[in-house]
PDB file of N, CA and C in Angstrom:
ATOM      1  N   MET A   1       9.176   1.271  12.204  1.00  0.00           N
ATOM      2  CA  MET A   1       8.366   0.111  12.107  1.00  0.00           C
ATOM      3  C   MET A   1       9.015  -0.995  12.859  1.00  0.00           C
ATOM      4  N   SER A   2       8.272  -2.003  13.278  1.00  0.00           N
ATOM      5  CA  SER A   2       8.804  -3.082  13.982  1.00  0.00           C
ATOM      6  C   SER A   2       9.461  -4.080  13.068  1.00  0.00           C
ATOM      7  N   THR A   3      10.433  -4.839  13.631  1.00  0.00           N
ATOM      8  CA  THR A   3      11.144  -5.812  12.892  1.00  0.00           C
ATOM      9  C   THR A   3      10.492  -7.163  13.067  1.00  0.00           C
ATOM     10  N   VAL A   4      10.645  -8.093  12.181  1.00  0.00           N
ATOM     11  CA  VAL A   4      10.126  -9.436  12.296  1.00  0.00           C
ATOM     12  C   VAL A   4      11.151 -10.426  11.861  1.00  0.00           C
ATOM     13  N   GLY A   5      10.939 -11.718  12.070  1.00  0.00           N
ATOM     14  CA  GLY A   5      11.903 -12.696  11.564  1.00  0.00           C
ATOM     15  C   GLY A   5      11.894 -12.809  10.107  1.00  0.00           C
ATOM     16  N   LYS A   6      13.017 -13.298   9.596  1.00  0.00           N
ATOM     17  CA  LYS A   6      13.178 -13.327   8.130  1.00  0.00           C
ATOM     18  C   LYS A   6      12.232 -14.347   7.458  1.00  0.00           C
ATOM     19  N   ASP A   7      11.744 -15.329   8.148  1.00  0.00           N
ATOM     20  CA  ASP A   7      10.909 -16.313   7.575  1.00  0.00           C
ATOM     21  C   ASP A   7       9.417 -15.897   7.491  1.00  0.00           C
ATOM     22  N   SER A   8       8.993 -15.050   8.441  1.00  0.00           N
ATOM     23  CA  SER A   8       7.591 -14.622   8.442  1.00  0.00           C
ATOM     24  C   SER A   8       7.324 -13.479   7.417  1.00  0.00           C
ATOM     25  N   PHE A   9       6.158 -13.437   6.855  1.00  0.00           N
ATOM     26  CA  PHE A   9       5.765 -12.382   5.950  1.00  0.00           C
ATOM     27  C   PHE A   9       6.685 -12.298   4.717  1.00  0.00           C
ATOM     28  N   SER A  10       7.132 -13.455   4.235  1.00  0.00           N
ATOM     29  CA  SER A  10       8.035 -13.466   3.064  1.00  0.00           C
ATOM     30  C   SER A  10       7.345 -12.762   1.874  1.00  0.00           C
ATOM     31  N   GLY A  11       7.938 -11.708   1.327  1.00  0.00           N
ATOM     32  CA  GLY A  11       7.253 -11.050   0.185  1.00  0.00           C
ATOM     33  C   GLY A  11       6.079 -10.271   0.580  1.00  0.00           C
ATOM     34  N   GLY A  12       6.047  -9.861   1.861  1.00  0.00           N
ATOM     35  CA  GLY A  12       4.832  -9.242   2.420  1.00  0.00           C
ATOM     36  C   GLY A  12       4.748  -7.743   2.121  1.00  0.00           C
ATOM     37  N   PHE A  13       3.597  -7.168   2.281  1.00  0.00           N
ATOM     38  CA  PHE A  13       3.411  -5.694   2.183  1.00  0.00           C
ATOM     39  C   PHE A  13       2.265  -5.337   3.087  1.00  0.00           C
ATOM     40  N   LEU A  14       2.299  -4.096   3.531  1.00  0.00           N
ATOM     41  CA  LEU A  14       1.203  -3.457   4.409  1.00  0.00           C
ATOM     42  C   LEU A  14       0.664  -2.233   3.712  1.00  0.00           C
ATOM     43  N   VAL A  15      -0.618  -2.025   3.793  1.00  0.00           N
ATOM     44  CA  VAL A  15      -1.208  -0.845   3.221  1.00  0.00           C
ATOM     45  C   VAL A  15      -1.952  -0.048   4.307  1.00  0.00           C
ATOM     46  N   TYR A  16      -1.720   1.231   4.486  1.00  0.00           N
ATOM     47  CA  TYR A  16      -2.424   2.072   5.421  1.00  0.00           C
ATOM     48  C   TYR A  16      -3.100   3.137   4.691  1.00  0.00           C
ATOM     49  N   ILE A  17      -4.394   3.421   5.020  1.00  0.00           N
ATOM     50  CA  ILE A  17      -5.130   4.544   4.559  1.00  0.00           C
ATOM     51  C   ILE A  17      -5.442   5.451   5.724  1.00  0.00           C
ATOM     52  N   ASN A  18      -4.891   6.653   5.636  1.00  0.00           N
ATOM     53  CA  ASN A  18      -5.064   7.630   6.777  1.00  0.00           C
ATOM     54  C   ASN A  18      -4.633   7.035   8.111  1.00  0.00           C
ATOM     55  N   GLY A  19      -3.597   6.299   8.117  1.00  0.00           N
ATOM     56  CA  GLY A  19      -2.990   5.675   9.344  1.00  0.00           C
ATOM     57  C   GLY A  19      -3.663   4.404   9.822  1.00  0.00           C
ATOM     58  N   VAL A  20      -4.699   3.899   9.070  1.00  0.00           N
ATOM     59  CA  VAL A  20      -5.377   2.737   9.464  1.00  0.00           C
ATOM     60  C   VAL A  20      -4.948   1.605   8.520  1.00  0.00           C
ATOM     61  N   ARG A  21      -4.520   0.473   9.025  1.00  0.00           N
ATOM     62  CA  ARG A  21      -4.094  -0.612   8.204  1.00  0.00           C
ATOM     63  C   ARG A  21      -5.339  -1.307   7.563  1.00  0.00           C
ATOM     64  N   VAL A  22      -5.283  -1.531   6.308  1.00  0.00           N
ATOM     65  CA  VAL A  22      -6.407  -2.117   5.531  1.00  0.00           C
ATOM     66  C   VAL A  22      -6.006  -3.401   4.926  1.00  0.00           C
ATOM     67  N   PRO A  23      -6.935  -4.351   4.765  1.00  0.00           N
ATOM     68  CA  PRO A  23      -6.596  -5.676   4.209  1.00  0.00           C
ATOM     69  C   PRO A  23      -6.434  -5.685   2.723  1.00  0.00           C
ATOM     70  N   ALA A  24      -5.329  -5.317   2.196  1.00  0.00           N
ATOM     71  CA  ALA A  24      -5.192  -5.293   0.739  1.00  0.00           C
ATOM     72  C   ALA A  24      -4.684  -6.695   0.299  1.00  0.00           C
ATOM     73  N   SER A  25      -5.220  -7.058  -0.879  1.00  0.00           N
ATOM     74  CA  SER A  25      -4.810  -8.302  -1.459  1.00  0.00           C
ATOM     75  C   SER A  25      -3.621  -8.223  -2.389  1.00  0.00           C
ATOM     76  N   SER A  26      -3.390  -6.953  -3.003  1.00  0.00           N
ATOM     77  CA  SER A  26      -2.200  -6.754  -3.800  1.00  0.00           C
ATOM     78  C   SER A  26      -1.931  -5.249  -3.861  1.00  0.00           C
ATOM     79  N   ALA A  27      -0.767  -4.925  -4.205  1.00  0.00           N
ATOM     80  CA  ALA A  27      -0.304  -3.469  -4.342  1.00  0.00           C
ATOM     81  C   ALA A  27       0.862  -3.430  -5.401  1.00  0.00           C
ATOM     82  N   SER A  28       0.778  -2.446  -6.260  1.00  0.00           N
ATOM     83  CA  SER A  28       1.765  -2.277  -7.290  1.00  0.00           C
ATOM     84  C   SER A  28       2.075  -0.792  -7.395  1.00  0.00           C
ATOM     85  N   VAL A  29       3.330  -0.474  -7.717  1.00  0.00           N
ATOM     86  CA  VAL A  29       3.787   0.885  -7.803  1.00  0.00           C
ATOM     87  C   VAL A  29       4.468   1.067  -9.192  1.00  0.00           C
ATOM     88  N   ALA A  30       4.079   2.171  -9.837  1.00  0.00           N
ATOM     89  CA  ALA A  30       4.697   2.432 -11.159  1.00  0.00           C
ATOM     90  C   ALA A  30       5.440   3.788 -11.004  1.00  0.00           C
ATOM     91  N   VAL A  31       6.681   3.866 -11.490  1.00  0.00           N
ATOM     92  CA  VAL A  31       7.542   5.017 -11.373  1.00  0.00           C
ATOM     93  C   VAL A  31       8.072   5.332 -12.784  1.00  0.00           C
ATOM     94  N   SER A  32       8.001   6.600 -13.194  1.00  0.00           N
ATOM     95  CA  SER A  32       8.527   7.019 -14.470  1.00  0.00           C
ATOM     96  C   SER A  32       9.200   8.358 -14.188  1.00  0.00           C
ATOM     97  N   LEU A  33      10.151   8.727 -15.170  1.00  0.00           N
ATOM     98  CA  LEU A  33      10.945   9.928 -15.032  1.00  0.00           C
ATOM     99  C   LEU A  33      10.102  11.209 -15.248  1.00  0.00           C
ATOM    100  N   ASP A  34       9.107  11.159 -16.171  1.00  0.00           N
ATOM    101  CA  ASP A  34       8.337  12.351 -16.603  1.00  0.00           C
ATOM    102  C   ASP A  34       7.046  12.596 -15.806  1.00  0.00           C
ATOM    103  N   SER A  35       6.615  11.726 -14.915  1.00  0.00           N
ATOM    104  CA  SER A  35       5.423  11.956 -14.219  1.00  0.00           C
ATOM    105  C   SER A  35       5.515  11.448 -12.777  1.00  0.00           C
ATOM    106  N   ALA A  36       4.492  11.747 -12.016  1.00  0.00           N
ATOM    107  CA  ALA A  36       4.451  11.264 -10.626  1.00  0.00           C
ATOM    108  C   ALA A  36       4.270   9.779 -10.461  1.00  0.00           C
ATOM    109  N   SER A  37       4.785   9.263  -9.386  1.00  0.00           N
ATOM    110  CA  SER A  37       4.640   7.797  -9.083  1.00  0.00           C
ATOM    111  C   SER A  37       3.149   7.528  -8.900  1.00  0.00           C
ATOM    112  N   GLN A  38       2.761   6.293  -9.249  1.00  0.00           N
ATOM    113  CA  GLN A  38       1.366   5.830  -9.090  1.00  0.00           C
ATOM    114  C   GLN A  38       1.388   4.530  -8.448  1.00  0.00           C
ATOM    115  N   ALA A  39       0.288   4.279  -7.595  1.00  0.00           N
ATOM    116  CA  ALA A  39       0.211   2.950  -6.948  1.00  0.00           C
ATOM    117  C   ALA A  39      -1.251   2.482  -7.237  1.00  0.00           C
ATOM    118  N   ASN A  40      -1.365   1.219  -7.370  1.00  0.00           N
ATOM    119  CA  ASN A  40      -2.771   0.528  -7.556  1.00  0.00           C
ATOM    120  C   ASN A  40      -2.799  -0.526  -6.378  1.00  0.00           C
ATOM    121  N   ILE A  41      -3.872  -0.438  -5.662  1.00  0.00           N
ATOM    122  CA  ILE A  41      -4.091  -1.307  -4.515  1.00  0.00           C
ATOM    123  C   ILE A  41      -5.442  -1.978  -4.684  1.00  0.00           C
ATOM    124  N   SER A  42      -5.437  -3.277  -4.453  1.00  0.00           N
ATOM    125  CA  SER A  42      -6.724  -4.131  -4.492  1.00  0.00           C
ATOM    126  C   SER A  42      -7.160  -4.330  -3.087  1.00  0.00           C
ATOM    127  N   LEU A  43      -8.395  -3.808  -2.826  1.00  0.00           N
ATOM    128  CA  LEU A  43      -9.015  -3.994  -1.503  1.00  0.00           C
ATOM    129  C   LEU A  43     -10.335  -4.762  -1.674  1.00  0.00           C
ATOM    130  N   PRO A  44     -10.710  -5.550  -0.601  1.00  0.00           N
ATOM    131  CA  PRO A  44     -12.010  -6.141  -0.693  1.00  0.00           C
ATOM    132  C   PRO A  44     -13.137  -5.137  -0.750  1.00  0.00           C
ATOM    133  N   ALA A  45     -14.251  -5.498  -1.379  1.00  0.00           N
ATOM    134  CA  ALA A  45     -15.334  -4.588  -1.509  1.00  0.00           C
ATOM    135  C   ALA A  45     -15.885  -4.267  -0.169  1.00  0.00           C
ATOM    136  N   HIS A  46     -16.229  -2.987   0.136  1.00  0.00           N
ATOM    137  CA  HIS A  46     -16.838  -2.474   1.329  1.00  0.00           C
ATOM    138  C   HIS A  46     -17.535  -1.244   1.058  1.00  0.00           C
ATOM    139  N   TYR A  47     -18.748  -1.101   1.648  1.00  0.00           N
ATOM    140  CA  TYR A  47     -19.503   0.140   1.367  1.00  0.00           C
ATOM    141  C   TYR A  47     -18.819   1.389   1.816  1.00  0.00           C
ATOM    142  N   ILE A  48     -17.900   1.402   2.766  1.00  0.00           N
ATOM    143  CA  ILE A  48     -17.121   2.579   3.208  1.00  0.00           C
ATOM    144  C   ILE A  48     -16.227   3.071   2.078  1.00  0.00           C
ATOM    145  N   LEU A  49     -15.746   2.189   1.225  1.00  0.00           N
ATOM    146  CA  LEU A  49     -14.859   2.502   0.228  1.00  0.00           C
ATOM    147  C   LEU A  49     -15.525   3.114  -1.039  1.00  0.00           C
ATOM    148  N   GLU A  50     -16.850   3.025  -1.122  1.00  0.00           N
ATOM    149  CA  GLU A  50     -17.540   3.555  -2.313  1.00  0.00           C
ATOM    150  C   GLU A  50     -17.365   5.052  -2.336  1.00  0.00           C
ATOM    151  N   GLY A  51     -17.014   5.569  -3.588  1.00  0.00           N
ATOM    152  CA  GLY A  51     -17.003   6.977  -3.773  1.00  0.00           C
ATOM    153  C   GLY A  51     -15.754   7.635  -3.297  1.00  0.00           C
ATOM    154  N   LEU A  52     -14.736   6.875  -2.910  1.00  0.00           N
ATOM    155  CA  LEU A  52     -13.437   7.539  -2.549  1.00  0.00           C
ATOM    156  C   LEU A  52     -12.823   8.174  -3.745  1.00  0.00           C
ATOM    157  N   GLY A  53     -12.254   9.331  -3.603  1.00  0.00           N
ATOM    158  CA  GLY A  53     -11.612  10.023  -4.697  1.00  0.00           C
ATOM    159  C   GLY A  53     -10.740  11.185  -4.189  1.00  0.00           C
ATOM    160  N   GLU A  54     -10.377  12.003  -5.166  1.00  0.00           N
ATOM    161  CA  GLU A  54      -9.481  13.077  -4.884  1.00  0.00           C
ATOM    162  C   GLU A  54     -10.027  14.127  -3.919  1.00  0.00           C
ATOM    163  N   GLU A  55     -11.316  14.340  -3.855  1.00  0.00           N
ATOM    164  CA  GLU A  55     -11.837  15.294  -2.907  1.00  0.00           C
ATOM    165  C   GLU A  55     -11.802  14.873  -1.411  1.00  0.00           C
ATOM    166  N   ASP A  56     -11.520  13.608  -1.187  1.00  0.00           N
ATOM    167  CA  ASP A  56     -11.471  13.055   0.159  1.00  0.00           C
ATOM    168  C   ASP A  56     -10.112  13.330   0.872  1.00  0.00           C
ATOM    169  N   LEU A  57      -9.090  13.555   0.043  1.00  0.00           N
ATOM    170  CA  LEU A  57      -7.714  13.880   0.549  1.00  0.00           C
ATOM    171  C   LEU A  57      -7.216  12.826   1.607  1.00  0.00           C
ATOM    172  N   LEU A  58      -7.365  11.544   1.222  1.00  0.00           N
ATOM    173  CA  LEU A  58      -6.926  10.453   2.092  1.00  0.00           C
ATOM    174  C   LEU A  58      -5.481  10.052   1.776  1.00  0.00           C
ATOM    175  N   ASP A  59      -4.643  10.002   2.776  1.00  0.00           N
ATOM    176  CA  ASP A  59      -3.252   9.632   2.601  1.00  0.00           C
ATOM    177  C   ASP A  59      -3.171   8.087   2.532  1.00  0.00           C
ATOM    178  N   VAL A  60      -2.224   7.625   1.646  1.00  0.00           N
ATOM    179  CA  VAL A  60      -2.021   6.211   1.581  1.00  0.00           C
ATOM    180  C   VAL A  60      -0.462   5.945   1.720  1.00  0.00           C
ATOM    181  N   ALA A  61      -0.178   4.882   2.446  1.00  0.00           N
ATOM    182  CA  ALA A  61       1.265   4.438   2.539  1.00  0.00           C
ATOM    183  C   ALA A  61       1.345   2.973   2.351  1.00  0.00           C
ATOM    184  N   ILE A  62       2.270   2.520   1.578  1.00  0.00           N
ATOM    185  CA  ILE A  62       2.521   1.125   1.319  1.00  0.00           C
ATOM    186  C   ILE A  62       3.937   0.785   1.829  1.00  0.00           C
ATOM    187  N   PHE A  63       4.073  -0.240   2.711  1.00  0.00           N
ATOM    188  CA  PHE A  63       5.347  -0.699   3.169  1.00  0.00           C
ATOM    189  C   PHE A  63       5.581  -2.086   2.727  1.00  0.00           C
ATOM    190  N   TYR A  64       6.809  -2.470   2.458  1.00  0.00           N
ATOM    191  CA  TYR A  64       7.194  -3.776   2.040  1.00  0.00           C
ATOM    192  C   TYR A  64       8.203  -4.307   3.049  1.00  0.00           C
ATOM    193  N   LEU A  65       8.232  -5.665   3.127  1.00  0.00           N
ATOM    194  CA  LEU A  65       9.175  -6.295   4.048  1.00  0.00           C
ATOM    195  C   LEU A  65      10.457  -6.583   3.369  1.00  0.00           C
ATOM    196  N   ASP A  66      11.571  -5.830   3.863  1.00  0.00           N
ATOM    197  CA  ASP A  66      12.855  -5.995   3.265  1.00  0.00           C
ATOM    198  C   ASP A  66      13.652  -7.042   4.140  1.00  0.00           C
ATOM    199  N   ASN A  67      13.793  -8.240   3.477  1.00  0.00           N
ATOM    200  CA  ASN A  67      14.519  -9.302   4.257  1.00  0.00           C
ATOM    201  C   ASN A  67      15.968  -9.151   4.297  1.00  0.00           C
ATOM    202  N   TYR A  68      16.551  -8.235   3.603  1.00  0.00           N
ATOM    203  CA  TYR A  68      17.963  -8.057   3.587  1.00  0.00           C
ATOM    204  C   TYR A  68      18.444  -6.746   4.220  1.00  0.00           C
ATOM    205  N   TYR A  69      17.517  -6.069   4.946  1.00  0.00           N
ATOM    206  CA  TYR A  69      17.849  -4.887   5.655  1.00  0.00           C
ATOM    207  C   TYR A  69      18.764  -5.131   6.908  1.00  0.00           C
ATOM    208  N   TYR A  70      19.958  -4.636   6.886  1.00  0.00           N
ATOM    209  CA  TYR A  70      20.908  -4.754   7.965  1.00  0.00           C
ATOM    210  C   TYR A  70      20.919  -6.221   8.445  1.00  0.00           C
ATOM    211  N   LYS A  71      20.609  -6.533   9.716  1.00  0.00           N
ATOM    212  CA  LYS A  71      20.664  -7.913  10.244  1.00  0.00           C
ATOM    213  C   LYS A  71      19.255  -8.554  10.192  1.00  0.00           C
ATOM    214  N   ASP A  72      18.260  -7.812  10.507  1.00  0.00           N
ATOM    215  CA  ASP A  72      16.919  -8.351  10.614  1.00  0.00           C
ATOM    216  C   ASP A  72      16.027  -7.756   9.533  1.00  0.00           C
ATOM    217  N   ALA A  73      15.014  -8.547   9.179  1.00  0.00           N
ATOM    218  CA  ALA A  73      14.014  -8.012   8.259  1.00  0.00           C
ATOM    219  C   ALA A  73      13.272  -6.828   8.889  1.00  0.00           C
ATOM    220  N   THR A  74      12.904  -5.855   8.111  1.00  0.00           N
ATOM    221  CA  THR A  74      12.196  -4.725   8.583  1.00  0.00           C
ATOM    222  C   THR A  74      11.212  -4.211   7.608  1.00  0.00           C
ATOM    223  N   TRP A  75      10.169  -3.478   7.978  1.00  0.00           N
ATOM    224  CA  TRP A  75       9.233  -2.840   7.079  1.00  0.00           C
ATOM    225  C   TRP A  75       9.773  -1.560   6.596  1.00  0.00           C
ATOM    226  N   CYS A  76       9.818  -1.327   5.257  1.00  0.00           N
ATOM    227  CA  CYS A  76      10.333  -0.129   4.639  1.00  0.00           C
ATOM    228  C   CYS A  76       9.220   0.565   3.783  1.00  0.00           C
ATOM    229  N   LEU A  77       9.271   1.890   3.763  1.00  0.00           N
ATOM    230  CA  LEU A  77       8.262   2.669   2.979  1.00  0.00           C
ATOM    231  C   LEU A  77       8.528   2.432   1.461  1.00  0.00           C
ATOM    232  N   LEU A  78       7.526   2.008   0.778  1.00  0.00           N
ATOM    233  CA  LEU A  78       7.597   1.867  -0.641  1.00  0.00           C
ATOM    234  C   LEU A  78       6.917   2.981  -1.418  1.00  0.00           C
ATOM    235  N   PHE A  79       5.779   3.476  -0.909  1.00  0.00           N
ATOM    236  CA  PHE A  79       5.006   4.500  -1.550  1.00  0.00           C
ATOM    237  C   PHE A  79       4.251   5.312  -0.521  1.00  0.00           C
ATOM    238  N   GLU A  80       4.112   6.597  -0.810  1.00  0.00           N
ATOM    239  CA  GLU A  80       3.340   7.515   0.015  1.00  0.00           C
ATOM    240  C   GLU A  80       2.605   8.467  -0.917  1.00  0.00           C
ATOM    241  N   GLY A  81       1.316   8.553  -0.782  1.00  0.00           N
ATOM    242  CA  GLY A  81       0.657   9.519  -1.653  1.00  0.00           C
ATOM    243  C   GLY A  81      -0.837   9.688  -1.202  1.00  0.00           C
ATOM    244  N   ARG A  82      -1.696  10.112  -2.113  1.00  0.00           N
ATOM    245  CA  ARG A  82      -3.100  10.361  -1.819  1.00  0.00           C
ATOM    246  C   ARG A  82      -3.970   9.572  -2.782  1.00  0.00           C
ATOM    247  N   ILE A  83      -5.156   9.276  -2.335  1.00  0.00           N
ATOM    248  CA  ILE A  83      -6.117   8.597  -3.228  1.00  0.00           C
ATOM    249  C   ILE A  83      -6.673   9.650  -4.163  1.00  0.00           C
ATOM    250  N   THR A  84      -6.607   9.364  -5.443  1.00  0.00           N
ATOM    251  CA  THR A  84      -7.086  10.266  -6.478  1.00  0.00           C
ATOM    252  C   THR A  84      -8.275   9.686  -7.310  1.00  0.00           C
ATOM    253  N   GLY A  85      -8.529   8.413  -7.067  1.00  0.00           N
ATOM    254  CA  GLY A  85      -9.662   7.842  -7.782  1.00  0.00           C
ATOM    255  C   GLY A  85      -9.828   6.410  -7.303  1.00  0.00           C
ATOM    256  N   GLN A  86     -10.905   5.752  -7.830  1.00  0.00           N
ATOM    257  CA  GLN A  86     -11.110   4.342  -7.437  1.00  0.00           C
ATOM    258  C   GLN A  86     -11.978   3.695  -8.549  1.00  0.00           C
ATOM    259  N   GLY A  87     -11.843   2.405  -8.661  1.00  0.00           N
ATOM    260  CA  GLY A  87     -12.629   1.599  -9.616  1.00  0.00           C
ATOM    261  C   GLY A  87     -13.154   0.383  -8.935  1.00  0.00           C
ATOM    262  N   TYR A  88     -14.075  -0.343  -9.559  1.00  0.00           N
ATOM    263  CA  TYR A  88     -14.676  -1.547  -9.053  1.00  0.00           C
ATOM    264  C   TYR A  88     -14.557  -2.619 -10.124  1.00  0.00           C
ATOM    265  N   GLU A  89     -14.151  -3.824  -9.764  1.00  0.00           N
ATOM    266  CA  GLU A  89     -14.055  -4.933 -10.618  1.00  0.00           C
ATOM    267  C   GLU A  89     -14.713  -6.162  -9.999  1.00  0.00           C
ATOM    268  N   ASN A  90     -15.607  -6.875 -10.727  1.00  0.00           N
ATOM    269  CA  ASN A  90     -16.222  -8.056 -10.218  1.00  0.00           C
ATOM    270  C   ASN A  90     -15.840  -9.190 -11.039  1.00  0.00           C
ATOM    271  N   SER A  91     -15.345 -10.271 -10.441  1.00  0.00           N
ATOM    272  CA  SER A  91     -15.015 -11.453 -11.256  1.00  0.00           C
ATOM    273  C   SER A  91     -15.642 -12.725 -10.605  1.00  0.00           C
TER     274      SER A  91
END
């Protein structure tokens, strides 16, 4: 991944679905000893995203900006997995 200055993208993250960067508003990862890691990603509503689930076999990768990596900030892999379901929330 490319490196960026320490001041830009402070606390940033990037989300990719099948290698395509998507505009996610938030991402969280839960890790436990007895089960697989899980991630929740908030995406803006779009008709293409309707009905995504386990049968689609879409890969997901979440990267975070590590400001303390070596000398320069760099993007590091936080989570890699597959979409297994989706939900919709309107507020």
